[in-house]
């Protein structure tokens, strides 16, 4: 748990890409989902690693995006007042 009392979450594909990149560096050729939808096996991989999958991705990154969008909205609102 982090300081806010919530478990840290990650974008599933970030972790899957990290794991697959590491395996490829070791000369292996990982396959996820046997050519079908990789979402279910990706979730299983993350769960096996003790990571709670979240489609929304990393909460800190999401917060930064929301803050930046708020800045942009404010800038446009200021332009409308002119």
C-alpha atoms as a PDB file:
ATOM      1  CA  UNK A   1       0.000   0.000   0.000  1.00  0.00           C
ATOM      2  CA  UNK A   2       1.214   3.530  -0.688  1.00  0.00           C
ATOM      3  CA  UNK A   3       0.821   6.681   1.408  1.00  0.00           C
ATOM      4  CA  UNK A   4      -2.725   7.261   0.142  1.00  0.00           C
ATOM      5  CA  UNK A   5      -3.769   3.831   1.463  1.00  0.00           C
ATOM      6  CA  UNK A   6      -4.361   2.374  -1.997  1.00  0.00           C
ATOM      7  CA  UNK A   7      -2.498  -0.436  -3.692  1.00  0.00           C
ATOM      8  CA  UNK A   8      -0.211   0.661  -6.513  1.00  0.00           C
ATOM      9  CA  UNK A   9      -1.453  -0.364  -9.946  1.00  0.00           C
ATOM     10  CA  UNK A  10       0.235  -0.548 -13.321  1.00  0.00           C
ATOM     11  CA  UNK A  11      -0.786  -0.629 -16.924  1.00  0.00           C
ATOM     12  CA  UNK A  12      -0.725  -4.358 -17.719  1.00  0.00           C
ATOM     13  CA  UNK A  13       1.122  -3.874 -20.989  1.00  0.00           C
ATOM     14  CA  UNK A  14       3.961  -1.979 -19.321  1.00  0.00           C
ATOM     15  CA  UNK A  15       4.741  -4.964 -17.117  1.00  0.00           C
ATOM     16  CA  UNK A  16       4.186  -7.536 -19.869  1.00  0.00           C
ATOM     17  CA  UNK A  17       6.530  -5.591 -22.174  1.00  0.00           C
ATOM     18  CA  UNK A  18       9.147  -5.455 -19.423  1.00  0.00           C
ATOM     19  CA  UNK A  19       8.946  -9.201 -18.776  1.00  0.00           C
ATOM     20  CA  UNK A  20       8.929 -10.069 -22.480  1.00  0.00           C
ATOM     21  CA  UNK A  21      11.862  -7.744 -23.147  1.00  0.00           C
ATOM     22  CA  UNK A  22      13.858  -9.434 -20.412  1.00  0.00           C
ATOM     23  CA  UNK A  23      13.000 -12.902 -21.732  1.00  0.00           C
ATOM     24  CA  UNK A  24      13.950 -11.886 -25.284  1.00  0.00           C
ATOM     25  CA  UNK A  25      17.308 -10.557 -24.016  1.00  0.00           C
ATOM     26  CA  UNK A  26      17.908 -14.036 -22.596  1.00  0.00           C
ATOM     27  CA  UNK A  27      17.372 -15.551 -26.059  1.00  0.00           C
ATOM     28  CA  UNK A  28      13.866 -16.835 -25.366  1.00  0.00           C
ATOM     29  CA  UNK A  29      10.839 -16.299 -27.594  1.00  0.00           C
ATOM     30  CA  UNK A  30       7.835 -15.775 -25.316  1.00  0.00           C
ATOM     31  CA  UNK A  31       4.302 -16.057 -26.687  1.00  0.00           C
ATOM     32  CA  UNK A  32       1.266 -14.757 -24.877  1.00  0.00           C
ATOM     33  CA  UNK A  33      -2.199 -16.018 -25.736  1.00  0.00           C
ATOM     34  CA  UNK A  34      -1.139 -18.356 -28.567  1.00  0.00           C
ATOM     35  CA  UNK A  35      -1.965 -15.720 -31.170  1.00  0.00           C
ATOM     36  CA  UNK A  36      -5.408 -14.884 -29.732  1.00  0.00           C
ATOM     37  CA  UNK A  37      -6.432 -12.175 -27.282  1.00  0.00           C
ATOM     38  CA  UNK A  38      -3.466 -11.735 -24.922  1.00  0.00           C
ATOM     39  CA  UNK A  39      -5.467  -9.857 -22.268  1.00  0.00           C
ATOM     40  CA  UNK A  40      -6.438 -12.875 -20.160  1.00  0.00           C
ATOM     41  CA  UNK A  41      -2.955 -14.458 -20.036  1.00  0.00           C
ATOM     42  CA  UNK A  42      -1.417 -11.011 -19.452  1.00  0.00           C
ATOM     43  CA  UNK A  43      -3.691 -10.531 -16.438  1.00  0.00           C
ATOM     44  CA  UNK A  44      -2.745 -14.020 -15.201  1.00  0.00           C
ATOM     45  CA  UNK A  45       0.967 -13.171 -15.565  1.00  0.00           C
ATOM     46  CA  UNK A  46       0.580  -9.976 -13.563  1.00  0.00           C
ATOM     47  CA  UNK A  47      -1.488 -11.687 -10.883  1.00  0.00           C
ATOM     48  CA  UNK A  48       1.159 -14.426 -10.598  1.00  0.00           C
ATOM     49  CA  UNK A  49       3.746 -11.670 -10.041  1.00  0.00           C
ATOM     50  CA  UNK A  50       1.586 -10.191  -7.271  1.00  0.00           C
ATOM     51  CA  UNK A  51       0.612  -7.137  -9.329  1.00  0.00           C
ATOM     52  CA  UNK A  52      -2.973  -5.894  -9.466  1.00  0.00           C
ATOM     53  CA  UNK A  53      -3.724  -5.261 -13.154  1.00  0.00           C
ATOM     54  CA  UNK A  54      -5.434  -1.980 -13.939  1.00  0.00           C
ATOM     55  CA  UNK A  55      -6.555  -0.840 -17.358  1.00  0.00           C
ATOM     56  CA  UNK A  56      -6.171   2.743 -16.143  1.00  0.00           C
ATOM     57  CA  UNK A  57      -2.458   2.248 -15.588  1.00  0.00           C
ATOM     58  CA  UNK A  58      -0.203   3.835 -13.004  1.00  0.00           C
ATOM     59  CA  UNK A  59      -2.118   6.171 -10.690  1.00  0.00           C
ATOM     60  CA  UNK A  60       0.732   8.711 -10.511  1.00  0.00           C
ATOM     61  CA  UNK A  61       0.893   9.010 -14.301  1.00  0.00           C
ATOM     62  CA  UNK A  62      -2.895   9.316 -14.489  1.00  0.00           C
ATOM     63  CA  UNK A  63      -2.801  12.108 -11.869  1.00  0.00           C
ATOM     64  CA  UNK A  64      -0.124  13.964 -13.845  1.00  0.00           C
ATOM     65  CA  UNK A  65      -2.258  13.725 -16.983  1.00  0.00           C
ATOM     66  CA  UNK A  66      -5.291  15.116 -15.123  1.00  0.00           C
ATOM     67  CA  UNK A  67      -3.196  17.983 -13.724  1.00  0.00           C
ATOM     68  CA  UNK A  68      -1.825  18.843 -17.174  1.00  0.00           C
ATOM     69  CA  UNK A  69      -5.301  18.776 -18.702  1.00  0.00           C
ATOM     70  CA  UNK A  70      -6.497  21.122 -15.954  1.00  0.00           C
ATOM     71  CA  UNK A  71      -3.642  23.511 -16.815  1.00  0.00           C
ATOM     72  CA  UNK A  72      -4.601  23.430 -20.491  1.00  0.00           C
ATOM     73  CA  UNK A  73      -8.269  24.062 -19.669  1.00  0.00           C
ATOM     74  CA  UNK A  74      -7.291  27.023 -17.507  1.00  0.00           C
ATOM     75  CA  UNK A  75      -5.168  28.456 -20.317  1.00  0.00           C
ATOM     76  CA  UNK A  76      -8.076  28.175 -22.747  1.00  0.00           C
ATOM     77  CA  UNK A  77     -10.488  29.671 -20.229  1.00  0.00           C
ATOM     78  CA  UNK A  78      -8.107  32.618 -19.725  1.00  0.00           C
ATOM     79  CA  UNK A  79      -7.983  33.142 -23.522  1.00  0.00           C
ATOM     80  CA  UNK A  80     -11.794  33.169 -23.693  1.00  0.00           C
ATOM     81  CA  UNK A  81     -11.928  36.015 -21.157  1.00  0.00           C
ATOM     82  CA  UNK A  82      -9.962  38.334 -23.491  1.00  0.00           C
END
